[in-house]
C-alpha cells in the first residue's frame, strides 16, 4: 500500500522539479494556483457523495510545501529572476504594444504562420530596438496567433479549443465515472491558457502536442 501511494508523490516531485528548472515565474504561480483550484473542485464534487475533504487539504499542503522547497533549492538563480520582474514587465508591455500594432495593420489574414522574426523586424524602430532585438517570441500566444494567422486563422483555433472545453464541462455533468479525469484535463488547459498570456508555451511543439493529447482524451471521455 505504501509503495503504491508513493508512486504519485514521486511523479509529483519530478514534475515540480522540472517546473522549477524552467525558471518560469508565471509557471511557478499559475501551476500551484491551478492545483489548488483542482483540489477545491474535487472536494466539492466528492462532498456530494459524502467524501471527507481532509485528505484533499492534506494534499494541497504537500503540493505547496514541495513548491516552496523546490523554489528554495534554486533561489540563487530564481532570486535574480524575481528581482528583475518589474523591468521584464515593462519590456514585455513594449513587446505587446509593438506586436499588437502589427496585428492591427493586417488584422484579417495576418502575416503567415512562422513569420514572427519578419514581423518583429518590421515592428522595430529606434524607440523599441533595445526591447525587440533578439527576442524569439511575443511572450503572449494570443497576440502572436492573431498577428501570424489573422482573424481568419486565429478565431477558428480559439473556437476549437472553446468547443472542446465546453464539451468537457458538459461531460462533468453527465459522466460520473470520469469526472476526476475531466476536471484534471480542464485544470491542465487552464494552466496553458493563463501561462500563454505572459509566455509562449504553446509555441513549443512538444507543449502543443502535450495539450492536444489531453484535449483529445478529454473530448472523447466526455462523450457517452
Protein backbone atom coordinates (compact mmCIF):
# COMPACT_ATOMS: atom_id res chain seq x y z
CA UNK A 1 0.00 0.00 0.00
CA UNK A 2 2.82 2.41 0.90
CA UNK A 3 4.64 1.69 -2.34
CA UNK A 4 1.51 2.26 -4.42
CA UNK A 5 0.75 5.55 -2.69
CA UNK A 6 4.35 6.73 -3.14
CA UNK A 7 4.22 6.49 -6.94
CA UNK A 8 2.02 9.60 -7.41
CA UNK A 9 4.21 11.55 -4.97
CA UNK A 10 7.34 10.59 -6.90
CA UNK A 11 5.69 11.71 -10.13
CA UNK A 12 4.63 14.95 -8.46
CA UNK A 13 8.18 15.55 -7.26
CA UNK A 14 9.59 15.03 -10.76
CA UNK A 15 7.03 17.41 -12.29
CA UNK A 16 7.72 20.10 -9.70
CA UNK A 17 11.46 19.75 -10.20
CA UNK A 18 11.01 20.26 -13.94
CA UNK A 19 8.79 23.26 -13.24
CA UNK A 20 11.39 24.90 -11.03
CA UNK A 21 14.15 24.24 -13.57
CA UNK A 22 12.22 26.20 -16.21
CA UNK A 23 12.70 29.34 -14.06
CA UNK A 24 9.29 30.46 -15.32
CA UNK A 25 7.84 32.92 -12.82
CA UNK A 26 4.37 32.71 -14.35
CA UNK A 27 4.52 28.93 -14.38
CA UNK A 28 5.51 28.82 -10.71
CA UNK A 29 2.50 30.97 -9.83
CA UNK A 30 -0.10 29.50 -12.19
CA UNK A 31 0.63 25.83 -11.50
CA UNK A 32 0.10 25.86 -7.70
CA UNK A 33 -2.96 28.05 -8.23
CA UNK A 34 -4.39 25.56 -10.71
CA UNK A 35 -3.66 22.67 -8.35
CA UNK A 36 -5.45 24.49 -5.54
CA UNK A 37 -8.48 25.10 -7.75
CA UNK A 38 -8.45 21.48 -8.88
CA UNK A 39 -8.35 20.17 -5.31
CA UNK A 40 -11.06 22.59 -4.26
CA UNK A 41 -13.37 21.50 -7.07
CA UNK A 42 -12.52 17.88 -6.35
CA UNK A 43 -13.56 18.40 -2.74
CA UNK A 44 -16.86 19.91 -3.87
CA UNK A 45 -17.56 17.03 -6.25
CA UNK A 46 -16.57 14.50 -3.63
CA UNK A 47 -18.70 16.12 -0.94
CA UNK A 48 -21.83 15.25 -2.87
CA UNK A 49 -21.03 11.59 -2.25
CA UNK A 50 -20.18 12.08 1.40
CA UNK A 51 -16.42 12.15 0.90
CA UNK A 52 -14.17 13.73 3.51
CA UNK A 53 -12.28 16.83 2.38
CA UNK A 54 -9.42 16.41 4.87
CA UNK A 55 -7.23 14.24 2.56
CA UNK A 56 -7.56 16.84 -0.18
CA UNK A 57 -6.50 19.61 2.18
CA UNK A 58 -3.53 17.49 3.16
CA UNK A 59 -2.53 17.01 -0.46
CA UNK A 60 -2.78 20.77 -1.01
CA UNK A 61 -0.38 21.32 1.88
CA UNK A 62 2.01 18.74 0.40
CA UNK A 63 1.93 20.41 -3.01
CA UNK A 64 2.51 23.86 -1.51
CA UNK A 65 5.38 22.54 0.56
CA UNK A 66 7.05 20.86 -2.38
CA UNK A 67 6.78 24.01 -4.49
CA UNK A 68 8.26 26.16 -1.75
CA UNK A 69 11.03 23.64 -1.19
CA UNK A 70 11.82 23.45 -4.89
CA UNK A 71 11.98 27.23 -5.20
CA UNK A 72 14.17 27.47 -2.11
CA UNK A 73 16.66 24.98 -3.54
CA UNK A 74 17.01 27.11 -6.65
CA UNK A 75 16.69 30.51 -5.00
CA UNK A 76 20.06 31.69 -6.33
CA UNK A 77 19.05 31.98 -9.98
CA UNK A 78 15.36 32.35 -9.19
CA UNK A 79 16.11 35.29 -6.94
CA UNK A 80 17.70 37.11 -9.84
CA UNK A 81 14.65 36.40 -11.95
CA UNK A 82 12.31 37.74 -9.28
CA UNK A 83 14.29 40.93 -8.72
CA UNK A 84 14.09 41.76 -12.43
CA UNK A 85 10.30 41.30 -12.53
CA UNK A 86 9.35 44.97 -12.92
CA UNK A 87 11.97 45.55 -15.59
CA UNK A 88 10.80 42.50 -17.54
CA UNK A 89 7.16 43.52 -17.16
CA UNK A 90 7.79 46.92 -18.74
CA UNK A 91 9.82 45.30 -21.53
CA UNK A 92 7.06 42.82 -22.32
CA UNK A 93 4.49 45.59 -22.30
CA UNK A 94 6.53 47.28 -25.03
CA UNK A 95 6.70 44.00 -26.96
CA UNK A 96 2.93 43.53 -26.68
CA UNK A 97 2.28 47.08 -27.86
CA UNK A 98 4.55 46.74 -30.90
CA UNK A 99 3.12 43.41 -32.00
CA UNK A 100 -0.48 44.40 -31.30
CA UNK A 101 0.08 47.34 -33.63
CA UNK A 102 1.47 44.89 -36.20
CA UNK A 103 -1.70 42.81 -35.90
CA UNK A 104 -3.89 45.88 -36.33
CA UNK A 105 -2.02 46.68 -39.55
CA UNK A 106 -3.11 43.33 -41.03
CA UNK A 107 -5.97 42.05 -38.88
CA UNK A 108 -7.71 39.62 -41.21
CA UNK A 109 -5.08 37.47 -42.90
CA UNK A 110 -2.08 38.20 -40.70
CA UNK A 111 1.45 37.69 -41.97
CA UNK A 112 1.60 33.89 -42.12
CA UNK A 113 2.47 31.17 -39.62
CA UNK A 114 6.09 31.14 -38.52
CA UNK A 115 6.76 34.72 -39.58
CA UNK A 116 7.43 36.13 -36.12
CA UNK A 117 11.03 37.15 -36.91
CA UNK A 118 9.84 39.01 -40.03
CA UNK A 119 7.06 40.75 -38.09
CA UNK A 120 9.44 41.66 -35.28
CA UNK A 121 11.90 43.26 -37.71
CA UNK A 122 9.10 45.31 -39.27
CA UNK A 123 7.86 46.48 -35.86
CA UNK A 124 11.35 47.51 -34.71
CA UNK A 125 12.20 51.19 -34.56
CA UNK A 126 14.63 53.44 -32.71
CA UNK A 127 12.35 53.65 -29.67
CA UNK A 128 11.86 49.91 -29.13
CA UNK A 129 15.00 48.49 -30.72
CA UNK A 130 16.64 47.55 -27.42
CA UNK A 131 13.48 45.69 -26.34
CA UNK A 132 12.62 43.86 -29.56
CA UNK A 133 16.10 42.99 -30.74
CA UNK A 134 16.92 39.31 -30.39
CA UNK A 135 13.60 38.09 -28.93
CA UNK A 136 12.22 34.83 -30.32
CA UNK A 137 8.53 35.17 -29.44
CA UNK A 138 5.92 37.72 -28.39
CA UNK A 139 5.57 36.13 -24.92
CA UNK A 140 1.81 36.19 -25.50
CA UNK A 141 0.47 33.36 -27.64
CA UNK A 142 -2.82 35.16 -28.31
CA UNK A 143 -1.17 38.21 -29.86
CA UNK A 144 1.26 36.01 -31.77
CA UNK A 145 -1.51 33.80 -33.15
CA UNK A 146 -3.52 36.85 -34.17
CA UNK A 147 -0.65 38.58 -35.94
CA UNK A 148 0.58 35.43 -37.69
CA UNK A 149 -2.75 33.83 -38.64
CA UNK A 150 -5.01 36.88 -38.58
CA UNK A 151 -8.63 36.69 -37.51
CA UNK A 152 -9.32 34.24 -40.35
CA UNK A 153 -6.93 31.69 -38.86
CA UNK A 154 -6.87 32.56 -35.15
CA UNK A 155 -10.61 32.68 -34.49
CA UNK A 156 -11.18 29.06 -35.66
CA UNK A 157 -8.27 27.96 -33.42
CA UNK A 158 -9.73 29.77 -30.42
CA UNK A 159 -13.21 28.45 -31.20
CA UNK A 160 -11.97 24.86 -31.48
CA UNK A 161 -10.39 24.98 -28.03
CA UNK A 162 -13.50 26.66 -26.61
CA UNK A 163 -15.80 23.99 -28.08
CA UNK A 164 -13.65 21.17 -26.69
CA UNK A 165 -13.62 22.86 -23.27
CA UNK A 166 -17.42 23.24 -23.41
CA UNK A 167 -17.77 19.54 -24.26
CA UNK A 168 -15.55 18.59 -21.31
CA UNK A 169 -17.54 20.84 -18.96
CA UNK A 170 -20.72 19.20 -20.21
CA UNK A 171 -19.14 15.82 -19.55
CA UNK A 172 -18.60 16.82 -15.91
CA UNK A 173 -22.38 16.83 -15.53
CA UNK A 174 -23.11 13.63 -17.41
CA UNK A 175 -20.11 11.30 -16.96
CA UNK A 176 -19.91 10.37 -13.29
CA UNK A 177 -17.16 7.77 -13.60
CA UNK A 178 -14.60 10.00 -15.33
CA UNK A 179 -15.33 13.27 -13.55
CA UNK A 180 -11.94 13.42 -11.87
CA UNK A 181 -10.09 12.92 -15.16
CA UNK A 182 -12.18 15.54 -16.94
CA UNK A 183 -11.58 18.01 -14.12
CA UNK A 184 -7.83 17.34 -14.29
CA UNK A 185 -7.79 17.96 -18.05
CA UNK A 186 -9.64 21.26 -17.59
CA UNK A 187 -7.03 22.22 -15.00
CA UNK A 188 -4.22 21.49 -17.46
CA UNK A 189 -5.98 23.59 -20.09
CA UNK A 190 -6.38 26.43 -17.58
CA UNK A 191 -2.65 26.39 -16.83
CA UNK A 192 -1.81 26.66 -20.53
CA UNK A 193 -4.34 29.44 -21.16
CA UNK A 194 -3.15 31.55 -18.24
CA UNK A 195 0.54 30.90 -18.86
CA UNK A 196 0.12 31.70 -22.54
CA UNK A 197 -0.89 35.27 -21.68
CA UNK A 198 2.63 36.09 -20.45
CA UNK A 199 4.83 33.48 -22.12
CA UNK A 200 4.99 31.20 -25.16
CA UNK A 201 4.49 27.55 -24.00
CA UNK A 202 2.25 26.75 -26.97
CA UNK A 203 4.91 27.95 -29.38
CA UNK A 204 6.97 24.92 -28.29
CA UNK A 205 5.92 21.89 -30.43
CA UNK A 206 6.23 19.39 -27.57
CA UNK A 207 3.92 21.50 -25.39
CA UNK A 208 1.41 21.87 -28.22
CA UNK A 209 1.35 18.10 -28.75
CA UNK A 210 1.03 17.54 -25.00
CA UNK A 211 -2.02 19.81 -24.73
CA UNK A 212 -3.55 18.38 -27.92
CA UNK A 213 -3.29 14.88 -26.47
CA UNK A 214 -5.04 15.93 -23.28
CA UNK A 215 -7.79 17.79 -25.14
CA UNK A 216 -8.39 14.78 -27.38
CA UNK A 217 -8.64 12.47 -24.40
CA UNK A 218 -10.97 14.87 -22.62
CA UNK A 219 -13.25 15.26 -25.63
CA UNK A 220 -13.52 11.50 -26.06
CA UNK A 221 -14.12 10.76 -22.38
CA UNK A 222 -16.76 13.50 -22.18
CA UNK A 223 -18.88 11.70 -24.76
CA UNK A 224 -21.15 8.84 -23.81
